[in-house]
Amino acid sequence: MDYVFRKAEQADAGPIWKILAEAIKRRKADGSDQWQDGYPNPAVIQADIDKRNGYVLTDKDRVVGYCAILINDEPEYLNIKGKWLTQGDFVVYHRVAISEDYLGKGLAQKMLLHIENFARKHGILSIKADTNFDNKGMLYIFKKLGYTYCGEVTFRGTPRQAFEKVLSG
């Protein structure tokens, strides 16, 4: 299949929210508290699109994956209980979700590889991310793609595992 990774557009807001709403239900079914507090929500997605931080993975014209990508923009990362591998510029991503119909095809990994390309295009060799302690899927992907555990960060009162990957030039 020929997947395309691109900036999210206004027309993508509905399909993005559908994917995230499915992911929220899956996290709950897995017994997780992640994303069970009203976040993310359609307003967050709209803000991502408005700020040009939202990205989609598409299969032909269908949105099948979503994430937000930011550069040097995660204040909570300054308060890590632990230590980052690097102290310079970094790319951070949030709200990674894949359509229910496309689970198990390795698309989250494919999206994270696109994020690595995004970082390199911007001359940045550090990618930082975090996830809930019980998000086995993301923890597996972090391990598989060579991320290093760096400590804990806190979002909305909840501790999360923080990871960094240093890219080669």
C-alpha atoms as a PDB file:
ATOM      1  CA  MET A   1       0.000   0.000   0.000  1.00  0.00           C
ATOM      2  CA  ASP A   2       1.088   3.546  -0.686  1.00  0.00           C
ATOM      3  CA  TYR A   3       0.720   5.601   2.472  1.00  0.00           C
ATOM      4  CA  VAL A   4       1.252   9.366   2.499  1.00  0.00           C
ATOM      5  CA  PHE A   5       2.276  11.362   5.571  1.00  0.00           C
ATOM      6  CA  ARG A   6       1.239  15.024   5.406  1.00  0.00           C
ATOM      7  CA  LYS A   7       0.076  18.040   7.380  1.00  0.00           C
ATOM      8  CA  ALA A   8      -3.526  17.747   8.524  1.00  0.00           C
ATOM      9  CA  GLU A   9      -6.042  20.001   6.803  1.00  0.00           C
ATOM     10  CA  GLN A  10      -9.347  21.336   8.058  1.00  0.00           C
ATOM     11  CA  ALA A  11     -11.226  18.654   6.103  1.00  0.00           C
ATOM     12  CA  ASP A  12      -9.339  15.996   8.100  1.00  0.00           C
ATOM     13  CA  ALA A  13     -10.729  17.100  11.480  1.00  0.00           C
ATOM     14  CA  GLY A  14     -13.732  14.728  11.439  1.00  0.00           C
ATOM     15  CA  PRO A  15     -11.780  11.610  10.422  1.00  0.00           C
ATOM     16  CA  ILE A  16      -9.007  12.474  12.913  1.00  0.00           C
ATOM     17  CA  TRP A  17     -11.493  12.768  15.755  1.00  0.00           C
ATOM     18  CA  LYS A  18     -13.107   9.439  14.754  1.00  0.00           C
ATOM     19  CA  ILE A  19      -9.675   7.735  14.967  1.00  0.00           C
ATOM     20  CA  LEU A  20      -8.912   9.327  18.341  1.00  0.00           C
ATOM     21  CA  ALA A  21     -12.381   8.503  19.734  1.00  0.00           C
ATOM     22  CA  GLU A  22     -11.802   4.837  18.754  1.00  0.00           C
ATOM     23  CA  ALA A  23      -8.370   4.933  20.423  1.00  0.00           C
ATOM     24  CA  ILE A  24      -9.859   6.431  23.598  1.00  0.00           C
ATOM     25  CA  LYS A  25     -12.363   3.543  23.743  1.00  0.00           C
ATOM     26  CA  ARG A  26      -9.559   0.999  23.149  1.00  0.00           C
ATOM     27  CA  ARG A  27      -7.473   2.473  25.983  1.00  0.00           C
ATOM     28  CA  LYS A  28     -10.489   2.211  28.309  1.00  0.00           C
ATOM     29  CA  ALA A  29     -11.195  -1.385  27.221  1.00  0.00           C
ATOM     30  CA  ASP A  30      -7.538  -2.166  27.987  1.00  0.00           C
ATOM     31  CA  GLY A  31      -8.146  -0.925  31.541  1.00  0.00           C
ATOM     32  CA  SER A  32      -6.033   2.205  31.079  1.00  0.00           C
ATOM     33  CA  ASP A  33      -6.651   5.652  32.521  1.00  0.00           C
ATOM     34  CA  GLN A  34      -4.846   7.200  29.555  1.00  0.00           C
ATOM     35  CA  TRP A  35      -7.077   9.562  27.580  1.00  0.00           C
ATOM     36  CA  GLN A  36     -10.020   8.985  29.944  1.00  0.00           C
ATOM     37  CA  ASP A  37     -10.144  12.564  31.293  1.00  0.00           C
ATOM     38  CA  GLY A  38     -11.657  14.387  28.321  1.00  0.00           C
ATOM     39  CA  TYR A  39      -8.311  14.736  26.545  1.00  0.00           C
ATOM     40  CA  PRO A  40      -7.764  14.625  23.674  1.00  0.00           C
ATOM     41  CA  ASN A  41     -10.930  16.170  22.315  1.00  0.00           C
ATOM     42  CA  PRO A  42     -12.103  17.906  19.116  1.00  0.00           C
ATOM     43  CA  ALA A  43     -10.858  21.313  20.371  1.00  0.00           C
ATOM     44  CA  VAL A  44      -7.348  19.898  20.831  1.00  0.00           C
ATOM     45  CA  ILE A  45      -7.419  18.505  17.288  1.00  0.00           C
ATOM     46  CA  GLN A  46      -8.664  21.846  15.949  1.00  0.00           C
ATOM     47  CA  ALA A  47      -5.816  23.639  17.743  1.00  0.00           C
ATOM     48  CA  ASP A  48      -3.307  21.175  16.242  1.00  0.00           C
ATOM     49  CA  ILE A  49      -4.643  21.880  12.750  1.00  0.00           C
ATOM     50  CA  ASP A  50      -4.793  25.656  13.312  1.00  0.00           C
ATOM     51  CA  LYS A  51      -1.185  25.728  14.580  1.00  0.00           C
ATOM     52  CA  ARG A  52      -0.074  23.470  11.688  1.00  0.00           C
ATOM     53  CA  ASN A  53       1.120  20.794  14.169  1.00  0.00           C
ATOM     54  CA  GLY A  54      -1.310  18.051  13.131  1.00  0.00           C
ATOM     55  CA  TYR A  55      -0.167  15.319  10.733  1.00  0.00           C
ATOM     56  CA  VAL A  56      -2.049  12.465   9.113  1.00  0.00           C
ATOM     57  CA  LEU A  57      -1.112   9.194   7.510  1.00  0.00           C
ATOM     58  CA  THR A  58      -3.368   8.462   4.564  1.00  0.00           C
ATOM     59  CA  ASP A  59      -4.179   5.434   2.449  1.00  0.00           C
ATOM     60  CA  LYS A  60      -5.240   6.976  -0.838  1.00  0.00           C
ATOM     61  CA  ASP A  61      -7.769   9.626   0.339  1.00  0.00           C
ATOM     62  CA  ARG A  62      -8.550   7.967   3.673  1.00  0.00           C
ATOM     63  CA  VAL A  63      -7.027   9.263   6.923  1.00  0.00           C
ATOM     64  CA  VAL A  64      -5.737   6.179   8.752  1.00  0.00           C
ATOM     65  CA  GLY A  65      -3.399   7.674  11.363  1.00  0.00           C
ATOM     66  CA  TYR A  66      -2.816  10.870  13.299  1.00  0.00           C
ATOM     67  CA  CYS A  67      -0.239  12.608  15.450  1.00  0.00           C
ATOM     68  CA  ALA A  68       0.802  16.102  16.477  1.00  0.00           C
ATOM     69  CA  ILE A  69       4.449  17.105  15.950  1.00  0.00           C
ATOM     70  CA  LEU A  70       6.107  20.058  17.664  1.00  0.00           C
ATOM     71  CA  ILE A  71       9.632  21.437  17.849  1.00  0.00           C
ATOM     72  CA  ASN A  72      11.055  22.412  21.254  1.00  0.00           C
ATOM     73  CA  ASP A  73       7.522  22.778  22.591  1.00  0.00           C
ATOM     74  CA  GLU A  74       6.840  20.654  25.635  1.00  0.00           C
ATOM     75  CA  PRO A  75       7.211  22.616  28.893  1.00  0.00           C
ATOM     76  CA  GLU A  76       6.657  19.510  31.048  1.00  0.00           C
ATOM     77  CA  TYR A  77       9.845  18.016  29.646  1.00  0.00           C
ATOM     78  CA  LEU A  78      11.835  20.619  31.614  1.00  0.00           C
ATOM     79  CA  ASN A  79      10.612  18.915  34.806  1.00  0.00           C
ATOM     80  CA  ILE A  80      11.732  15.368  34.013  1.00  0.00           C
ATOM     81  CA  LYS A  81      12.480  13.133  36.965  1.00  0.00           C
ATOM     82  CA  GLY A  82      15.522  11.628  35.304  1.00  0.00           C
ATOM     83  CA  LYS A  83      17.756  12.962  32.551  1.00  0.00           C
ATOM     84  CA  TRP A  84      17.368  13.452  28.826  1.00  0.00           C
ATOM     85  CA  LEU A  85      20.146  12.151  26.567  1.00  0.00           C
ATOM     86  CA  THR A  86      20.536  15.560  24.890  1.00  0.00           C
ATOM     87  CA  GLN A  87      19.869  19.160  25.882  1.00  0.00           C
ATOM     88  CA  GLY A  88      19.482  20.858  22.481  1.00  0.00           C
ATOM     89  CA  ASP A  89      16.667  21.135  19.963  1.00  0.00           C
ATOM     90  CA  PHE A  90      14.146  18.296  19.860  1.00  0.00           C
ATOM     91  CA  VAL A  91      11.049  17.113  18.070  1.00  0.00           C
ATOM     92  CA  VAL A  92       8.204  15.896  20.267  1.00  0.00           C
ATOM     93  CA  TYR A  93       5.034  14.120  19.174  1.00  0.00           C
ATOM     94  CA  HIS A  94       1.720  13.484  20.887  1.00  0.00           C
ATOM     95  CA  ARG A  95      -1.661  11.881  20.235  1.00  0.00           C
ATOM     96  CA  VAL A  96      -0.449   8.979  18.086  1.00  0.00           C
ATOM     97  CA  ALA A  97      -3.456   6.955  16.933  1.00  0.00           C
ATOM     98  CA  ILE A  98      -4.247   4.550  14.112  1.00  0.00           C
ATOM     99  CA  SER A  99      -7.673   3.773  12.644  1.00  0.00           C
ATOM    100  CA  GLU A 100      -9.347   0.677  14.032  1.00  0.00           C
ATOM    101  CA  ASP A 101      -9.501  -0.748  10.483  1.00  0.00           C
ATOM    102  CA  TYR A 102      -5.714  -0.495  10.108  1.00  0.00           C
ATOM    103  CA  LEU A 103      -4.465  -1.862  13.433  1.00  0.00           C
ATOM    104  CA  GLY A 104      -1.754  -4.520  13.321  1.00  0.00           C
ATOM    105  CA  LYS A 105      -0.233  -3.308  10.056  1.00  0.00           C
ATOM    106  CA  GLY A 106       2.751  -1.516  11.607  1.00  0.00           C
ATOM    107  CA  LEU A 107       1.389   1.932  10.775  1.00  0.00           C
ATOM    108  CA  ALA A 108       2.272   3.536  14.119  1.00  0.00           C
ATOM    109  CA  GLN A 109       5.883   2.517  13.497  1.00  0.00           C
ATOM    110  CA  LYS A 110       5.659   3.831   9.940  1.00  0.00           C
ATOM    111  CA  MET A 111       4.370   7.143  11.298  1.00  0.00           C
ATOM    112  CA  LEU A 112       7.224   7.366  13.819  1.00  0.00           C
ATOM    113  CA  LEU A 113       9.729   6.816  10.995  1.00  0.00           C
ATOM    114  CA  HIS A 114       8.090   9.725   9.137  1.00  0.00           C
ATOM    115  CA  ILE A 115       8.591  11.791  12.306  1.00  0.00           C
ATOM    116  CA  GLU A 116      12.287  10.897  12.219  1.00  0.00           C
ATOM    117  CA  ASN A 117      12.431  12.198   8.631  1.00  0.00           C
ATOM    118  CA  PHE A 118      10.599  15.360   9.735  1.00  0.00           C
ATOM    119  CA  ALA A 119      13.244  15.905  12.442  1.00  0.00           C
ATOM    120  CA  ARG A 120      16.143  15.401  10.026  1.00  0.00           C
ATOM    121  CA  LYS A 121      14.579  17.815   7.497  1.00  0.00           C
ATOM    122  CA  HIS A 122      14.586  20.423  10.277  1.00  0.00           C
ATOM    123  CA  GLY A 123      18.195  19.648  11.216  1.00  0.00           C
ATOM    124  CA  ILE A 124      17.165  18.113  14.555  1.00  0.00           C
ATOM    125  CA  LEU A 125      18.606  14.814  15.768  1.00  0.00           C
ATOM    126  CA  SER A 126      16.627  14.349  19.005  1.00  0.00           C
ATOM    127  CA  ILE A 127      13.101  12.983  19.292  1.00  0.00           C
ATOM    128  CA  LYS A 128      11.385  12.950  22.672  1.00  0.00           C
ATOM    129  CA  ALA A 129       8.090  11.317  23.549  1.00  0.00           C
ATOM    130  CA  ASP A 130       6.155   9.943  26.491  1.00  0.00           C
ATOM    131  CA  THR A 131       3.432   7.451  27.205  1.00  0.00           C
ATOM    132  CA  ASN A 132       1.441   5.918  30.036  1.00  0.00           C
ATOM    133  CA  PHE A 133       3.076   3.126  32.013  1.00  0.00           C
ATOM    134  CA  ASP A 134       0.370   0.737  30.784  1.00  0.00           C
ATOM    135  CA  ASN A 135       0.468   1.589  27.073  1.00  0.00           C
ATOM    136  CA  LYS A 136       2.063  -1.680  25.990  1.00  0.00           C
ATOM    137  CA  GLY A 137       1.732  -0.874  22.288  1.00  0.00           C
ATOM    138  CA  MET A 138       3.715   2.358  22.445  1.00  0.00           C
ATOM    139  CA  LEU A 139       6.238   0.889  24.905  1.00  0.00           C
ATOM    140  CA  TYR A 140       6.863  -1.954  22.449  1.00  0.00           C
ATOM    141  CA  ILE A 141       7.317   0.480  19.546  1.00  0.00           C
ATOM    142  CA  PHE A 142       9.721   2.641  21.560  1.00  0.00           C
ATOM    143  CA  LYS A 143      11.843  -0.435  22.309  1.00  0.00           C
ATOM    144  CA  LYS A 144      11.692  -1.716  18.731  1.00  0.00           C
ATOM    145  CA  LEU A 145      12.684   1.651  17.236  1.00  0.00           C
ATOM    146  CA  GLY A 146      15.605   2.218  19.606  1.00  0.00           C
ATOM    147  CA  TYR A 147      14.245   4.782  22.060  1.00  0.00           C
ATOM    148  CA  THR A 148      15.969   5.124  25.448  1.00  0.00           C
ATOM    149  CA  TYR A 149      14.016   5.418  28.690  1.00  0.00           C
ATOM    150  CA  CYS A 150      15.007   8.728  30.352  1.00  0.00           C
ATOM    151  CA  GLY A 151      12.668   9.067  33.357  1.00  0.00           C
ATOM    152  CA  GLU A 152       9.212  10.354  34.212  1.00  0.00           C
ATOM    153  CA  VAL A 153       7.239  13.434  33.248  1.00  0.00           C
ATOM    154  CA  THR A 154       3.806  14.442  34.563  1.00  0.00           C
ATOM    155  CA  PHE A 155       0.780  15.500  32.517  1.00  0.00           C
ATOM    156  CA  ARG A 156      -2.515  16.536  34.100  1.00  0.00           C
ATOM    157  CA  GLY A 157      -1.329  15.040  37.410  1.00  0.00           C
ATOM    158  CA  THR A 158      -0.395  11.667  35.931  1.00  0.00           C
ATOM    159  CA  PRO A 159       3.187  10.365  35.660  1.00  0.00           C
ATOM    160  CA  ARG A 160       4.275   9.072  32.282  1.00  0.00           C
ATOM    161  CA  GLN A 161       7.374   7.327  30.992  1.00  0.00           C
ATOM    162  CA  ALA A 162       9.629   9.604  28.943  1.00  0.00           C
ATOM    163  CA  PHE A 163      11.840   8.420  26.097  1.00  0.00           C
ATOM    164  CA  GLU A 164      14.358   9.919  23.700  1.00  0.00           C
ATOM    165  CA  LYS A 165      15.862   8.752  20.456  1.00  0.00           C
ATOM    166  CA  VAL A 166      19.024  10.377  19.124  1.00  0.00           C
ATOM    167  CA  LEU A 167      19.139  10.153  15.342  1.00  0.00           C
ATOM    168  CA  SER A 168      22.226   9.816  13.210  1.00  0.00           C
ATOM    169  CA  GLY A 169      22.800  12.667  10.770  1.00  0.00           C
END
